[in-house]
Amino acid sequence: MTSALGIPDFRLLWAARTISAFGTWLLVVAVPAHVFTLTGSVLASGAALAAEFLPPLLLGPLAGVLVDRWDRRRVLVAADVLRAAAVALLLFARDPGTLWLVYVALVVESTGTVLFRPAAQAHTPVVVGSGPALSGANALNSLTDGVARLVGAPLGGALAGLVGFPALVVVDAASYLVSAALLAAMTRRPRDDRRAAVRDDLREGLAFLRSRRSARALLVVSTVFLTANASLSALLVPFGMTALGGAGPVGLVMSGLGVGFLLGAPATRPLVDRLRSGPLLAGALGVTAVGFALLFGSTSLPTALAAAVLVGLAGSAALVVTQTAVQRVTPAAVLGRVGAVLFTGEAAATVVGALAGPALAELTSARTTAYAACALTVAAALYAASAPSVHPPFAR
């Protein structure tokens, strides 16, 4: 898994991504908790999550085209600078009358992420190749995401009470600037200077998805699962604050997710190189559904923590399997656009889930809504098991 770190450009890319992720996770609990504290509304907290995923929904396909046409290194740097400026707007959201600034900040920050994510995903196989180093790089990224969850979420919840919300905002903005500096140090690579129209570029990316059933299946499974996941994510902070005792326990639950990611990433890497993507993804989604059902059915912090670890473990596996399969089946020339389509599906799913989940919870209950989302996750798992798989290059 660490073999990819022997490549200088990947070390810079990984370090930049890790630093910005730690800064971001400090606010994962703090922002929705801040909104919930100011408004007392579960729907308002869900709207914050929906606002964050509105730009990918509107701009995702175009972002993929731009990523494939522009210098990806410059795209990554510019995206981080934009995200730093956006996060700084949160400093001015101090009362219910200025709450709208939270949504503006999240939209602008997410616009930067719309460019960053497909650029980083498309640039990774360019840097490390498509062999074992690729699955190792993806597993390492998943592992560091787990560490960020483990440390960042509970630390953010604790620091919010000690140093205040503004201090966390400053740290997150600074993390984006440090990330931009590291990315700027990567090797300059020749830009693909194709002169095809943007419309033709979009058609080329969509044509590839239409021609590869395995890629289409990954898109469908990912979108369905992420709709359910967004519903559950939007409910997690309000549920934890009311059922588990406040932002502190919510931060601990987030750290439980991080522990699961730490366990799941190294365990998944060898499986991705040996097993077909369909059955492996189906198993990961099934376990995720069970974990979420246990989490939202819990009435005590220890039970919730154990369930969160299970969710993190299976979720890490699902992310590594999906990302590696897409990278292996997609030609480098269209990888940015295909990745952007997947991100657009994720955005659409998240917007729908983040609004529908809280709305249904206000009509019924958080637990009832959570169980419905778990059933949707099981449906995605069944489809993944029956859909065409991506065969690993090192299968026995």
Protein backbone atom coordinates (compact mmCIF):
# COMPACT_ATOMS: atom_id res chain seq x y z
CA MET A 1 0.00 0.00 0.00
CA THR A 2 2.91 2.35 0.69
CA SER A 3 4.67 1.63 -2.62
CA ALA A 4 2.95 4.63 -4.21
CA LEU A 5 4.72 6.90 -1.70
CA GLY A 6 7.97 6.14 -3.50
CA ILE A 7 6.73 8.36 -6.35
CA PRO A 8 7.55 12.04 -5.57
CA ASP A 9 4.52 13.56 -7.29
CA PHE A 10 2.17 11.19 -5.52
CA ARG A 11 3.76 12.05 -2.18
CA LEU A 12 2.94 15.71 -2.80
CA LEU A 13 -0.57 14.91 -4.01
CA TRP A 14 -1.23 12.64 -1.05
CA ALA A 15 0.20 15.12 1.49
CA ALA A 16 -1.86 17.97 0.06
CA ARG A 17 -5.03 15.91 0.07
CA THR A 18 -4.37 14.69 3.62
CA ILE A 19 -3.75 18.15 5.09
CA SER A 20 -6.86 19.66 3.52
CA ALA A 21 -8.92 16.64 4.61
CA PHE A 22 -7.88 17.11 8.24
CA GLY A 23 -8.88 20.76 8.08
CA THR A 24 -12.21 19.90 6.49
CA TRP A 25 -13.06 17.22 9.05
CA LEU A 26 -12.70 19.75 11.86
CA LEU A 27 -15.87 21.35 10.47
CA VAL A 28 -17.81 18.20 9.55
CA VAL A 29 -19.57 18.21 12.90
CA ALA A 30 -19.11 21.90 13.70
CA VAL A 31 -20.97 23.36 10.69
CA PRO A 32 -24.23 21.35 10.92
CA ALA A 33 -24.09 21.64 14.72
CA HIS A 34 -23.69 25.41 14.32
CA VAL A 35 -26.70 25.53 12.00
CA PHE A 36 -28.75 23.28 14.29
CA THR A 37 -27.86 25.41 17.32
CA LEU A 38 -28.91 28.62 15.58
CA THR A 39 -32.14 27.28 14.11
CA GLY A 40 -33.14 24.14 16.01
CA SER A 41 -34.18 22.73 12.64
CA VAL A 42 -33.21 19.30 11.28
CA LEU A 43 -34.23 20.48 7.81
CA ALA A 44 -31.91 23.49 8.03
CA SER A 45 -29.02 21.18 8.88
CA GLY A 46 -29.93 18.96 5.93
CA ALA A 47 -30.09 22.01 3.68
CA ALA A 48 -26.48 22.75 4.57
CA LEU A 49 -25.48 19.35 3.20
CA ALA A 50 -27.66 19.87 0.13
CA ALA A 51 -26.06 23.27 -0.54
CA GLU A 52 -22.64 21.67 -0.53
CA PHE A 53 -23.64 19.25 -3.29
CA LEU A 54 -25.57 21.66 -5.50
CA PRO A 55 -22.51 22.76 -7.57
CA PRO A 56 -21.51 19.17 -8.46
CA LEU A 57 -25.06 18.58 -9.64
CA LEU A 58 -25.02 21.64 -11.93
CA LEU A 59 -21.37 21.78 -12.96
CA GLY A 60 -20.11 18.21 -12.72
CA PRO A 61 -20.02 17.20 -16.41
CA LEU A 62 -18.53 20.54 -17.46
CA ALA A 63 -15.89 20.24 -14.74
CA GLY A 64 -14.86 16.88 -16.13
CA VAL A 65 -14.36 18.39 -19.58
CA LEU A 66 -12.27 21.23 -18.20
CA VAL A 67 -10.17 18.83 -16.12
CA ASP A 68 -9.35 16.79 -19.23
CA ARG A 69 -8.49 19.91 -21.25
CA TRP A 70 -6.58 22.00 -18.70
CA ASP A 71 -3.34 21.46 -16.80
CA ARG A 72 -4.62 19.31 -13.91
CA ARG A 73 -1.91 20.56 -11.57
CA ARG A 74 -3.08 24.14 -12.03
CA VAL A 75 -6.68 23.09 -11.61
CA LEU A 76 -5.86 21.49 -8.25
CA VAL A 77 -4.03 24.60 -7.01
CA ALA A 78 -6.77 26.99 -8.14
CA ALA A 79 -9.47 24.82 -6.57
CA ASP A 80 -7.72 24.88 -3.19
CA VAL A 81 -7.31 28.67 -3.24
CA LEU A 82 -11.00 29.06 -4.07
CA ARG A 83 -11.98 26.72 -1.25
CA ALA A 84 -9.84 28.64 1.25
CA ALA A 85 -11.59 31.89 0.33
CA ALA A 86 -15.01 30.25 0.56
CA VAL A 87 -14.42 28.76 4.01
CA ALA A 88 -13.37 32.19 5.28
CA LEU A 89 -16.96 33.41 4.66
CA LEU A 90 -18.11 31.22 7.56
CA LEU A 91 -16.43 33.67 9.93
CA PHE A 92 -19.26 36.13 9.28
CA ALA A 93 -22.16 33.71 9.99
CA ARG A 94 -22.67 34.63 13.64
CA ASP A 95 -26.45 34.72 14.14
CA PRO A 96 -29.67 33.53 12.46
CA GLY A 97 -29.78 36.68 10.36
CA THR A 98 -26.45 35.85 8.71
CA LEU A 99 -27.05 32.12 8.41
CA TRP A 100 -27.39 32.50 4.66
CA LEU A 101 -23.62 33.02 4.53
CA VAL A 102 -23.17 29.40 5.60
CA TYR A 103 -25.00 28.22 2.51
CA VAL A 104 -23.09 30.64 0.24
CA ALA A 105 -19.77 29.48 1.70
CA LEU A 106 -20.67 25.83 1.24
CA VAL A 107 -21.75 26.39 -2.38
CA VAL A 108 -18.54 28.23 -3.28
CA GLU A 109 -16.34 25.74 -1.42
CA SER A 110 -18.10 22.90 -3.21
CA THR A 111 -17.50 24.59 -6.57
CA GLY A 112 -13.80 24.26 -5.89
CA THR A 113 -14.29 20.63 -4.89
CA VAL A 114 -16.14 19.98 -8.18
CA LEU A 115 -12.87 20.76 -9.95
CA PHE A 116 -10.52 19.24 -7.37
CA ARG A 117 -11.99 15.76 -7.08
CA PRO A 118 -12.04 14.70 -10.77
CA ALA A 119 -8.66 16.37 -11.29
CA ALA A 120 -7.10 14.45 -8.39
CA GLN A 121 -8.72 11.17 -9.43
CA ALA A 122 -7.69 11.57 -13.07
CA HIS A 123 -4.14 12.64 -12.17
CA THR A 124 -3.49 9.73 -9.79
CA PRO A 125 -3.15 6.97 -12.45
CA VAL A 126 -1.07 9.36 -14.56
CA VAL A 127 1.36 9.64 -11.65
CA VAL A 128 1.38 6.04 -10.35
CA GLY A 129 0.23 3.97 -13.35
CA SER A 130 -2.59 1.39 -13.44
CA GLY A 131 -0.85 -1.52 -11.70
CA PRO A 132 -0.53 -2.41 -8.00
CA ALA A 133 0.59 1.13 -7.16
CA LEU A 134 -2.85 2.41 -8.20
CA SER A 135 -4.81 0.20 -5.81
CA GLY A 136 -2.19 1.01 -3.19
CA ALA A 137 -2.63 4.74 -3.78
CA ASN A 138 -6.42 4.48 -3.51
CA ALA A 139 -6.17 2.37 -0.37
CA LEU A 140 -3.73 4.85 1.14
CA ASN A 141 -6.09 7.72 0.36
CA SER A 142 -8.92 5.81 2.00
CA LEU A 143 -6.71 5.11 5.01
CA THR A 144 -5.82 8.78 5.46
CA ASP A 145 -9.49 9.68 5.10
CA GLY A 146 -10.10 7.32 7.99
CA VAL A 147 -7.41 8.97 10.07
CA ALA A 148 -8.94 12.37 9.29
CA ARG A 149 -12.33 11.09 10.44
CA LEU A 150 -10.78 9.54 13.53
CA VAL A 151 -8.89 12.66 14.61
CA GLY A 152 -10.63 15.58 12.90
CA ALA A 153 -14.27 15.01 13.84
CA PRO A 154 -13.87 14.52 17.61
CA LEU A 155 -11.13 17.17 17.75
CA GLY A 156 -13.41 19.62 15.94
CA GLY A 157 -16.26 18.87 18.32
CA ALA A 158 -14.01 19.37 21.34
CA LEU A 159 -12.31 22.51 20.02
CA ALA A 160 -15.64 24.09 19.09
CA GLY A 161 -16.40 24.38 22.79
CA LEU A 162 -12.86 25.39 23.80
CA VAL A 163 -11.72 27.84 21.13
CA GLY A 164 -14.97 28.49 19.26
CA PHE A 165 -16.29 27.95 15.77
CA PRO A 166 -14.28 30.81 14.14
CA ALA A 167 -10.94 29.25 15.13
CA LEU A 168 -11.90 26.01 13.38
CA VAL A 169 -12.80 27.97 10.26
CA VAL A 170 -9.38 29.63 10.21
CA VAL A 171 -7.62 26.26 10.51
CA ASP A 172 -9.64 24.79 7.64
CA ALA A 173 -8.93 27.77 5.37
CA ALA A 174 -5.22 27.52 6.19
CA SER A 175 -5.20 23.80 5.37
CA TYR A 176 -6.43 24.55 1.85
CA LEU A 177 -3.64 27.10 1.35
CA VAL A 178 -0.98 24.63 2.53
CA SER A 179 -2.45 22.03 0.18
CA ALA A 180 -2.25 24.48 -2.72
CA ALA A 181 1.43 25.14 -1.99
CA LEU A 182 2.25 21.41 -2.02
CA LEU A 183 0.36 20.83 -5.26
CA ALA A 184 2.17 23.73 -6.91
CA ALA A 185 5.43 21.86 -6.27
CA MET A 186 4.38 18.85 -8.38
CA THR A 187 6.07 18.20 -11.70
CA ARG A 188 4.72 20.19 -14.60
CA ARG A 189 3.29 17.76 -17.14
CA PRO A 190 2.44 18.52 -20.79
CA ARG A 191 -1.11 19.75 -21.26
CA ASP A 192 -3.39 17.89 -23.63
CA ASP A 193 -3.94 20.65 -26.18
CA ARG A 194 -6.92 19.16 -27.96
CA ARG A 195 -9.13 21.71 -29.69
CA ALA A 196 -12.39 19.78 -29.83
CA ALA A 197 -15.47 21.68 -28.75
CA VAL A 198 -16.70 21.29 -25.19
CA ARG A 199 -19.90 19.76 -26.55
CA ASP A 200 -17.89 17.11 -28.41
CA ASP A 201 -15.85 16.42 -25.27
CA LEU A 202 -19.05 15.82 -23.31
CA ARG A 203 -20.34 13.49 -26.00
CA GLU A 204 -17.09 11.53 -25.97
CA GLY A 205 -17.30 10.96 -22.22
CA LEU A 206 -20.96 9.96 -22.35
CA ALA A 207 -20.31 7.70 -25.34
CA PHE A 208 -17.75 5.79 -23.31
CA LEU A 209 -20.23 5.27 -20.47
CA ARG A 210 -22.83 4.01 -22.92
CA SER A 211 -20.33 1.57 -24.41
CA ARG A 212 -19.15 0.01 -21.13
CA ARG A 213 -21.81 -1.79 -19.11
CA SER A 214 -19.49 -2.22 -16.15
CA ALA A 215 -18.91 1.54 -15.92
CA ARG A 216 -22.66 2.22 -16.20
CA ALA A 217 -23.34 -0.30 -13.45
CA LEU A 218 -20.87 1.44 -11.15
CA LEU A 219 -22.62 4.75 -11.84
CA VAL A 220 -26.06 3.31 -11.03
CA VAL A 221 -24.93 1.52 -7.88
CA SER A 222 -22.98 4.53 -6.65
CA THR A 223 -25.88 6.93 -7.21
CA VAL A 224 -28.47 4.75 -5.48
CA PHE A 225 -26.21 4.04 -2.52
CA LEU A 226 -25.20 7.68 -2.12
CA THR A 227 -28.86 8.76 -2.05
CA ALA A 228 -29.34 6.55 0.97
CA ASN A 229 -26.01 7.57 2.47
CA ALA A 230 -26.84 11.28 2.15
CA SER A 231 -30.12 10.76 3.99
CA LEU A 232 -28.29 9.03 6.80
CA SER A 233 -25.48 11.60 6.89
CA ALA A 234 -27.96 14.48 7.09
CA LEU A 235 -29.67 12.82 10.04
CA LEU A 236 -26.53 11.79 11.92
CA VAL A 237 -25.67 15.08 13.63
CA PRO A 238 -29.23 15.97 14.74
CA PHE A 239 -29.82 12.34 15.78
CA GLY A 240 -26.60 12.26 17.77
CA MET A 241 -27.25 15.60 19.45
CA THR A 242 -30.70 14.51 20.62
CA ALA A 243 -30.29 10.74 21.17
CA LEU A 244 -26.65 10.50 22.22
CA GLY A 245 -26.12 13.71 24.17
CA GLY A 246 -24.66 16.49 22.02
CA ALA A 247 -21.85 17.42 19.63
CA GLY A 248 -19.20 15.63 21.70
CA PRO A 249 -20.75 12.16 21.30
CA VAL A 250 -21.37 12.91 17.63
CA GLY A 251 -17.67 13.62 17.24
CA LEU A 252 -16.86 10.29 18.88
CA VAL A 253 -19.22 8.50 16.49
CA MET A 254 -17.41 10.19 13.62
CA SER A 255 -14.15 8.93 15.07
CA GLY A 256 -15.66 5.43 15.10
CA LEU A 257 -16.25 5.81 11.38
CA GLY A 258 -12.60 6.79 11.09
CA VAL A 259 -11.48 3.67 12.95
CA GLY A 260 -13.49 1.61 10.48
CA PHE A 261 -11.81 3.36 7.55
CA LEU A 262 -8.43 2.59 9.09
CA LEU A 263 -9.32 -1.08 9.30
CA GLY A 264 -11.03 -1.28 5.93
CA ALA A 265 -8.45 0.35 3.65
CA PRO A 266 -5.54 -2.10 4.12
CA ALA A 267 -7.91 -5.08 4.19
CA THR A 268 -9.56 -4.08 0.90
CA ARG A 269 -6.42 -3.45 -1.14
CA PRO A 270 -5.48 -7.13 -1.76
CA LEU A 271 -9.12 -8.03 -2.42
CA VAL A 272 -9.42 -5.36 -5.12
CA ASP A 273 -6.45 -6.89 -6.94
CA ARG A 274 -7.86 -10.44 -6.76
CA LEU A 275 -11.68 -10.34 -6.86
CA ARG A 276 -14.25 -9.07 -9.32
CA SER A 277 -15.71 -5.67 -8.47
CA GLY A 278 -19.40 -6.70 -8.45
CA PRO A 279 -19.48 -9.27 -5.64
CA LEU A 280 -16.93 -7.31 -3.61
CA LEU A 281 -18.94 -4.09 -3.89
CA ALA A 282 -22.19 -5.90 -3.12
CA GLY A 283 -20.75 -7.34 0.07
CA ALA A 284 -19.42 -3.96 1.19
CA LEU A 285 -22.78 -2.27 0.62
CA GLY A 286 -24.66 -5.02 2.46
CA VAL A 287 -22.45 -4.67 5.51
CA THR A 288 -22.82 -0.88 5.35
CA ALA A 289 -26.61 -1.24 5.47
CA VAL A 290 -26.39 -3.47 8.54
CA GLY A 291 -24.03 -1.01 10.24
CA PHE A 292 -26.28 1.97 9.64
CA ALA A 293 -29.32 0.08 10.89
CA LEU A 294 -27.46 -0.73 14.11
CA LEU A 295 -26.22 2.85 14.44
CA PHE A 296 -29.63 4.50 14.19
CA GLY A 297 -31.20 1.79 16.30
CA SER A 298 -28.74 2.39 19.14
CA THR A 299 -29.66 4.11 22.39
CA SER A 300 -26.20 4.23 23.94
CA LEU A 301 -22.86 5.64 22.86
CA PRO A 302 -20.91 2.32 23.03
CA THR A 303 -23.41 0.62 20.71
CA ALA A 304 -23.34 3.58 18.33
CA LEU A 305 -19.53 3.54 18.30
CA ALA A 306 -19.38 -0.16 17.44
CA ALA A 307 -21.89 0.32 14.63
CA ALA A 308 -19.95 3.33 13.33
CA VAL A 309 -16.77 1.24 13.11
CA LEU A 310 -18.64 -1.34 11.04
CA VAL A 311 -20.02 1.37 8.74
CA GLY A 312 -16.57 2.89 8.29
CA LEU A 313 -14.97 -0.45 7.49
CA ALA A 314 -17.53 -1.39 4.85
CA GLY A 315 -17.75 2.16 3.50
CA SER A 316 -13.98 2.25 3.00
CA ALA A 317 -14.17 -0.98 1.03
CA ALA A 318 -16.98 0.34 -1.17
CA LEU A 319 -15.08 3.53 -1.97
CA VAL A 320 -11.82 1.76 -2.82
CA VAL A 321 -13.58 -0.83 -5.00
CA THR A 322 -15.61 1.74 -6.93
CA GLN A 323 -12.77 4.19 -7.49
CA THR A 324 -10.24 1.57 -8.54
CA ALA A 325 -12.71 -0.16 -10.88
CA VAL A 326 -13.57 3.12 -12.61
CA GLN A 327 -9.90 4.04 -13.02
CA ARG A 328 -9.03 0.62 -14.45
CA VAL A 329 -11.85 0.42 -16.95
CA THR A 330 -11.64 4.01 -18.22
CA PRO A 331 -9.03 5.32 -20.72
CA ALA A 332 -6.91 8.15 -19.31
CA ALA A 333 -8.09 10.55 -22.04
CA VAL A 334 -11.68 10.52 -20.76
CA LEU A 335 -11.10 9.68 -17.11
CA GLY A 336 -11.73 13.24 -15.93
CA ARG A 337 -15.11 13.35 -17.65
CA VAL A 338 -16.16 9.90 -16.50
CA GLY A 339 -15.12 10.76 -12.95
CA ALA A 340 -17.07 14.00 -13.18
CA VAL A 341 -20.20 12.13 -14.29
CA LEU A 342 -19.85 9.90 -11.24
CA PHE A 343 -19.42 12.96 -9.05
CA THR A 344 -22.48 14.54 -10.65
CA GLY A 345 -24.47 11.42 -9.85
CA GLU A 346 -23.14 11.63 -6.31
CA ALA A 347 -24.18 15.27 -6.11
CA ALA A 348 -27.69 14.59 -7.38
CA ALA A 349 -28.03 11.72 -4.96
CA THR A 350 -26.74 13.80 -2.08
CA VAL A 351 -29.02 16.76 -2.76
CA VAL A 352 -32.05 14.47 -2.96
CA GLY A 353 -31.03 12.44 0.07
CA ALA A 354 -30.01 15.42 2.20
CA LEU A 355 -33.41 17.06 1.68
CA ALA A 356 -35.63 13.97 1.54
CA GLY A 357 -34.12 12.31 4.61
CA PRO A 358 -34.73 15.17 7.07
CA ALA A 359 -38.12 15.94 5.53
CA LEU A 360 -39.24 12.33 5.98
CA ALA A 361 -37.77 12.29 9.48
CA GLU A 362 -39.90 15.27 10.49
CA LEU A 363 -42.99 13.42 9.25
CA THR A 364 -42.06 10.08 10.86
CA SER A 365 -38.83 9.70 12.85
CA ALA A 366 -35.09 9.58 12.28
CA ARG A 367 -34.99 5.84 12.93
CA THR A 368 -37.81 5.06 10.48
CA THR A 369 -36.11 7.14 7.80
CA ALA A 370 -32.78 5.47 8.52
CA TYR A 371 -34.25 1.99 8.09
CA ALA A 372 -35.78 3.02 4.75
CA ALA A 373 -32.37 4.28 3.60
CA CYS A 374 -30.80 0.99 4.68
CA ALA A 375 -33.31 -0.90 2.55
CA LEU A 376 -32.28 1.26 -0.43
CA THR A 377 -28.64 0.38 0.24
CA VAL A 378 -29.51 -3.32 0.19
CA ALA A 379 -31.17 -2.80 -3.21
CA ALA A 380 -27.95 -1.23 -4.50
CA ALA A 381 -25.99 -4.22 -3.19
CA LEU A 382 -28.26 -6.67 -5.00
CA TYR A 383 -27.86 -4.77 -8.27
CA ALA A 384 -24.07 -4.68 -7.84
CA ALA A 385 -24.02 -8.45 -7.40
CA SER A 386 -25.93 -9.03 -10.64
CA ALA A 387 -24.34 -6.31 -12.80
CA PRO A 388 -21.22 -6.76 -15.01
CA SER A 389 -17.98 -6.62 -13.01
CA VAL A 390 -14.56 -5.17 -13.65
CA HIS A 391 -12.01 -7.99 -13.54
CA PRO A 392 -8.78 -7.21 -11.69
CA PRO A 393 -5.55 -7.54 -13.68
CA PHE A 394 -4.00 -9.84 -11.07
CA ALA A 395 -6.79 -12.36 -10.51
CA ARG A 396 -5.64 -15.90 -9.85
